[in-house]
Amino acid sequence: MRVELVTTLKRQATKILAELHSSKEPVLITEHGQPSAYLVDVEDYEFMQQRMNILEGIYKGEQAIQKGHIFSNQAAKEKMNKWLK
């Protein structure tokens, strides 16, 4: 992963963005020697967001199962039929 100072980003934003788009490698931006932000390609960010949404859905499903919030196949079909009408 590439690391850049925030001052370098300010001075060379166009160049850094061009390299980011071509390499698809995230850039860690530091301020005062400390990590401050990641700069990532838009497509990569959107892909990560989609993955997070899927993982959150799986987690919610697992929580519902643990709490006993489950339906039989027949009950689920009946419930879905009501929603789809």
N, C-alpha and C. Protein backbone atom coordinates (compact mmCIF):
# COMPACT_ATOMS: atom_id res chain seq x y z
N MET A 1 0.85 -1.18 0.00
CA MET A 1 0.00 0.00 0.00
C MET A 1 0.89 1.23 0.00
N ARG A 2 0.48 2.17 -0.76
CA ARG A 2 1.21 3.42 -0.88
C ARG A 2 0.84 4.36 0.27
N VAL A 3 1.81 5.09 0.78
CA VAL A 3 1.59 6.06 1.86
C VAL A 3 2.04 7.43 1.36
N GLU A 4 1.19 8.42 1.60
CA GLU A 4 1.51 9.80 1.20
C GLU A 4 1.18 10.76 2.33
N LEU A 5 1.96 11.80 2.43
CA LEU A 5 1.68 12.87 3.38
C LEU A 5 0.51 13.71 2.87
N VAL A 6 -0.24 14.28 3.77
CA VAL A 6 -1.36 15.12 3.37
C VAL A 6 -0.85 16.33 2.56
N THR A 7 0.33 16.83 2.89
CA THR A 7 0.87 17.96 2.13
C THR A 7 1.19 17.55 0.69
N THR A 8 1.66 16.31 0.50
CA THR A 8 1.92 15.81 -0.85
C THR A 8 0.61 15.70 -1.62
N LEU A 9 -0.43 15.24 -0.94
CA LEU A 9 -1.75 15.14 -1.57
C LEU A 9 -2.23 16.52 -2.02
N LYS A 10 -2.03 17.52 -1.17
CA LYS A 10 -2.44 18.88 -1.53
C LYS A 10 -1.71 19.37 -2.78
N ARG A 11 -0.42 19.08 -2.87
CA ARG A 11 0.40 19.58 -3.97
C ARG A 11 0.26 18.77 -5.25
N GLN A 12 0.01 17.46 -5.09
CA GLN A 12 0.04 16.58 -6.26
C GLN A 12 -1.23 15.75 -6.39
N ALA A 13 -2.37 16.33 -6.06
CA ALA A 13 -3.63 15.58 -6.05
C ALA A 13 -3.92 14.94 -7.40
N THR A 14 -3.76 15.68 -8.46
CA THR A 14 -4.08 15.15 -9.80
C THR A 14 -3.20 13.95 -10.12
N LYS A 15 -1.92 14.05 -9.83
CA LYS A 15 -0.99 12.95 -10.10
C LYS A 15 -1.33 11.73 -9.24
N ILE A 16 -1.57 11.96 -7.97
CA ILE A 16 -1.89 10.85 -7.06
C ILE A 16 -3.19 10.16 -7.48
N LEU A 17 -4.19 10.95 -7.86
CA LEU A 17 -5.45 10.36 -8.32
C LEU A 17 -5.26 9.56 -9.61
N ALA A 18 -4.47 10.06 -10.53
CA ALA A 18 -4.22 9.35 -11.78
C ALA A 18 -3.55 8.00 -11.50
N GLU A 19 -2.56 8.01 -10.61
CA GLU A 19 -1.88 6.77 -10.25
C GLU A 19 -2.82 5.82 -9.51
N LEU A 20 -3.69 6.37 -8.69
CA LEU A 20 -4.67 5.55 -7.97
C LEU A 20 -5.60 4.84 -8.96
N HIS A 21 -6.08 5.57 -9.95
CA HIS A 21 -7.00 5.00 -10.93
C HIS A 21 -6.32 3.92 -11.78
N SER A 22 -5.05 4.13 -12.09
CA SER A 22 -4.36 3.15 -12.94
C SER A 22 -3.92 1.92 -12.15
N SER A 23 -3.46 2.10 -10.92
CA SER A 23 -2.95 0.97 -10.14
C SER A 23 -4.03 0.29 -9.30
N LYS A 24 -5.09 1.02 -8.97
CA LYS A 24 -6.17 0.52 -8.09
C LYS A 24 -5.66 0.23 -6.67
N GLU A 25 -4.46 0.71 -6.36
CA GLU A 25 -3.88 0.49 -5.03
C GLU A 25 -4.29 1.63 -4.10
N PRO A 26 -4.89 1.31 -2.95
CA PRO A 26 -5.28 2.37 -2.01
C PRO A 26 -4.07 3.18 -1.55
N VAL A 27 -4.34 4.43 -1.19
CA VAL A 27 -3.29 5.32 -0.70
C VAL A 27 -3.65 5.71 0.73
N LEU A 28 -2.72 5.48 1.64
CA LEU A 28 -2.91 5.89 3.03
C LEU A 28 -2.37 7.31 3.17
N ILE A 29 -3.22 8.22 3.61
CA ILE A 29 -2.83 9.62 3.81
C ILE A 29 -2.50 9.81 5.28
N THR A 30 -1.34 10.41 5.54
CA THR A 30 -0.93 10.64 6.92
C THR A 30 -0.86 12.14 7.22
N GLU A 31 -1.16 12.46 8.47
CA GLU A 31 -1.02 13.83 8.98
C GLU A 31 -0.19 13.76 10.25
N HIS A 32 0.84 14.56 10.32
CA HIS A 32 1.70 14.60 11.51
C HIS A 32 2.21 13.20 11.86
N GLY A 33 2.50 12.40 10.83
CA GLY A 33 3.06 11.07 11.03
C GLY A 33 2.05 10.01 11.43
N GLN A 34 0.77 10.37 11.49
CA GLN A 34 -0.28 9.42 11.89
C GLN A 34 -1.23 9.14 10.73
N PRO A 35 -1.72 7.91 10.61
CA PRO A 35 -2.71 7.62 9.58
C PRO A 35 -3.93 8.51 9.74
N SER A 36 -4.42 9.06 8.64
CA SER A 36 -5.55 9.98 8.72
C SER A 36 -6.73 9.52 7.85
N ALA A 37 -6.43 8.98 6.65
CA ALA A 37 -7.51 8.57 5.75
C ALA A 37 -6.95 7.64 4.68
N TYR A 38 -7.86 6.89 4.08
CA TYR A 38 -7.50 6.08 2.92
C TYR A 38 -8.14 6.70 1.69
N LEU A 39 -7.41 6.71 0.63
CA LEU A 39 -7.91 7.18 -0.66
C LEU A 39 -8.04 5.93 -1.53
N VAL A 40 -9.29 5.63 -1.94
CA VAL A 40 -9.53 4.43 -2.73
C VAL A 40 -10.31 4.79 -3.99
N ASP A 41 -10.17 3.95 -5.00
CA ASP A 41 -10.90 4.12 -6.25
C ASP A 41 -12.40 3.97 -5.99
N VAL A 42 -13.21 4.70 -6.73
CA VAL A 42 -14.66 4.70 -6.54
C VAL A 42 -15.23 3.30 -6.71
N GLU A 43 -14.82 2.59 -7.76
CA GLU A 43 -15.34 1.24 -7.99
C GLU A 43 -15.00 0.31 -6.83
N ASP A 44 -13.78 0.41 -6.32
CA ASP A 44 -13.38 -0.42 -5.19
C ASP A 44 -14.19 -0.09 -3.95
N TYR A 45 -14.42 1.19 -3.72
CA TYR A 45 -15.22 1.60 -2.56
C TYR A 45 -16.64 1.07 -2.66
N GLU A 46 -17.25 1.20 -3.83
CA GLU A 46 -18.62 0.72 -4.02
C GLU A 46 -18.69 -0.80 -3.85
N PHE A 47 -17.68 -1.52 -4.33
CA PHE A 47 -17.62 -2.97 -4.16
C PHE A 47 -17.55 -3.32 -2.67
N MET A 48 -16.71 -2.60 -1.92
CA MET A 48 -16.59 -2.85 -0.48
C MET A 48 -17.92 -2.57 0.23
N GLN A 49 -18.62 -1.52 -0.17
CA GLN A 49 -19.91 -1.20 0.43
C GLN A 49 -20.93 -2.32 0.16
N GLN A 50 -20.94 -2.84 -1.06
CA GLN A 50 -21.84 -3.95 -1.39
C GLN A 50 -21.53 -5.17 -0.53
N ARG A 51 -20.25 -5.46 -0.36
CA ARG A 51 -19.85 -6.60 0.48
C ARG A 51 -20.30 -6.39 1.93
N MET A 52 -20.13 -5.18 2.42
CA MET A 52 -20.54 -4.89 3.80
C MET A 52 -22.05 -5.08 3.96
N ASN A 53 -22.83 -4.65 2.98
CA ASN A 53 -24.28 -4.82 3.04
C ASN A 53 -24.65 -6.29 3.08
N ILE A 54 -23.97 -7.11 2.29
CA ILE A 54 -24.23 -8.55 2.29
C ILE A 54 -23.88 -9.14 3.65
N LEU A 55 -22.72 -8.78 4.17
CA LEU A 55 -22.30 -9.30 5.48
C LEU A 55 -23.25 -8.86 6.59
N GLU A 56 -23.73 -7.63 6.54
CA GLU A 56 -24.69 -7.15 7.54
C GLU A 56 -26.00 -7.94 7.44
N GLY A 57 -26.44 -8.26 6.23
CA GLY A 57 -27.64 -9.07 6.06
C GLY A 57 -27.47 -10.46 6.63
N ILE A 58 -26.32 -11.07 6.40
CA ILE A 58 -26.03 -12.39 6.97
C ILE A 58 -26.03 -12.31 8.49
N TYR A 59 -25.39 -11.29 9.04
CA TYR A 59 -25.34 -11.13 10.49
C TYR A 59 -26.75 -10.99 11.07
N LYS A 60 -27.59 -10.17 10.44
CA LYS A 60 -28.96 -9.99 10.93
C LYS A 60 -29.73 -11.31 10.87
N GLY A 61 -29.50 -12.09 9.82
CA GLY A 61 -30.16 -13.38 9.71
C GLY A 61 -29.72 -14.33 10.80
N GLU A 62 -28.42 -14.34 11.09
CA GLU A 62 -27.91 -15.19 12.17
C GLU A 62 -28.46 -14.76 13.52
N GLN A 63 -28.58 -13.46 13.74
CA GLN A 63 -29.14 -12.96 15.00
C GLN A 63 -30.60 -13.37 15.13
N ALA A 64 -31.36 -13.29 14.05
CA ALA A 64 -32.77 -13.67 14.07
C ALA A 64 -32.91 -15.15 14.40
N ILE A 65 -32.04 -15.98 13.83
CA ILE A 65 -32.08 -17.42 14.13
C ILE A 65 -31.80 -17.67 15.60
N GLN A 66 -30.77 -17.00 16.14
CA GLN A 66 -30.42 -17.18 17.55
C GLN A 66 -31.56 -16.76 18.48
N LYS A 67 -32.32 -15.75 18.08
CA LYS A 67 -33.43 -15.27 18.90
C LYS A 67 -34.71 -16.07 18.67
N GLY A 68 -34.64 -17.02 17.74
CA GLY A 68 -35.81 -17.84 17.47
C GLY A 68 -36.83 -17.20 16.56
N HIS A 69 -36.45 -16.14 15.88
CA HIS A 69 -37.35 -15.45 14.95
C HIS A 69 -37.28 -16.13 13.59
N ILE A 70 -37.85 -17.32 13.55
CA ILE A 70 -37.81 -18.11 12.32
C ILE A 70 -39.22 -18.53 11.93
N PHE A 71 -39.39 -18.88 10.67
CA PHE A 71 -40.67 -19.34 10.15
C PHE A 71 -40.47 -20.66 9.43
N SER A 72 -41.50 -21.48 9.43
CA SER A 72 -41.45 -22.68 8.60
C SER A 72 -41.53 -22.23 7.15
N ASN A 73 -41.20 -23.14 6.25
CA ASN A 73 -41.25 -22.82 4.83
C ASN A 73 -42.66 -22.39 4.44
N GLN A 74 -43.66 -23.10 4.91
CA GLN A 74 -45.05 -22.79 4.57
C GLN A 74 -45.45 -21.42 5.13
N ALA A 75 -45.08 -21.14 6.37
CA ALA A 75 -45.42 -19.84 6.98
C ALA A 75 -44.74 -18.70 6.22
N ALA A 76 -43.51 -18.92 5.79
CA ALA A 76 -42.78 -17.89 5.04
C ALA A 76 -43.47 -17.64 3.69
N LYS A 77 -43.90 -18.70 3.03
CA LYS A 77 -44.60 -18.54 1.75
C LYS A 77 -45.89 -17.75 1.93
N GLU A 78 -46.64 -18.06 2.98
CA GLU A 78 -47.89 -17.35 3.24
C GLU A 78 -47.63 -15.87 3.51
N LYS A 79 -46.61 -15.59 4.28
CA LYS A 79 -46.26 -14.20 4.60
C LYS A 79 -45.84 -13.45 3.34
N MET A 80 -45.04 -14.09 2.50
CA MET A 80 -44.59 -13.46 1.25
C MET A 80 -45.77 -13.22 0.31
N ASN A 81 -46.69 -14.17 0.25
CA ASN A 81 -47.86 -14.00 -0.62
C ASN A 81 -48.68 -12.78 -0.22
N LYS A 82 -48.79 -12.52 1.09
CA LYS A 82 -49.51 -11.33 1.56
C LYS A 82 -48.80 -10.06 1.11
N TRP A 83 -47.48 -10.04 1.17
CA TRP A 83 -46.70 -8.86 0.79
C TRP A 83 -46.73 -8.62 -0.71
N LEU A 84 -46.80 -9.70 -1.47
CA LEU A 84 -46.72 -9.57 -2.94
C LEU A 84 -48.05 -9.24 -3.59
N LYS A 85 -49.12 -9.24 -2.83
CA LYS A 85 -50.43 -8.94 -3.41
C LYS A 85 -50.67 -7.46 -3.45
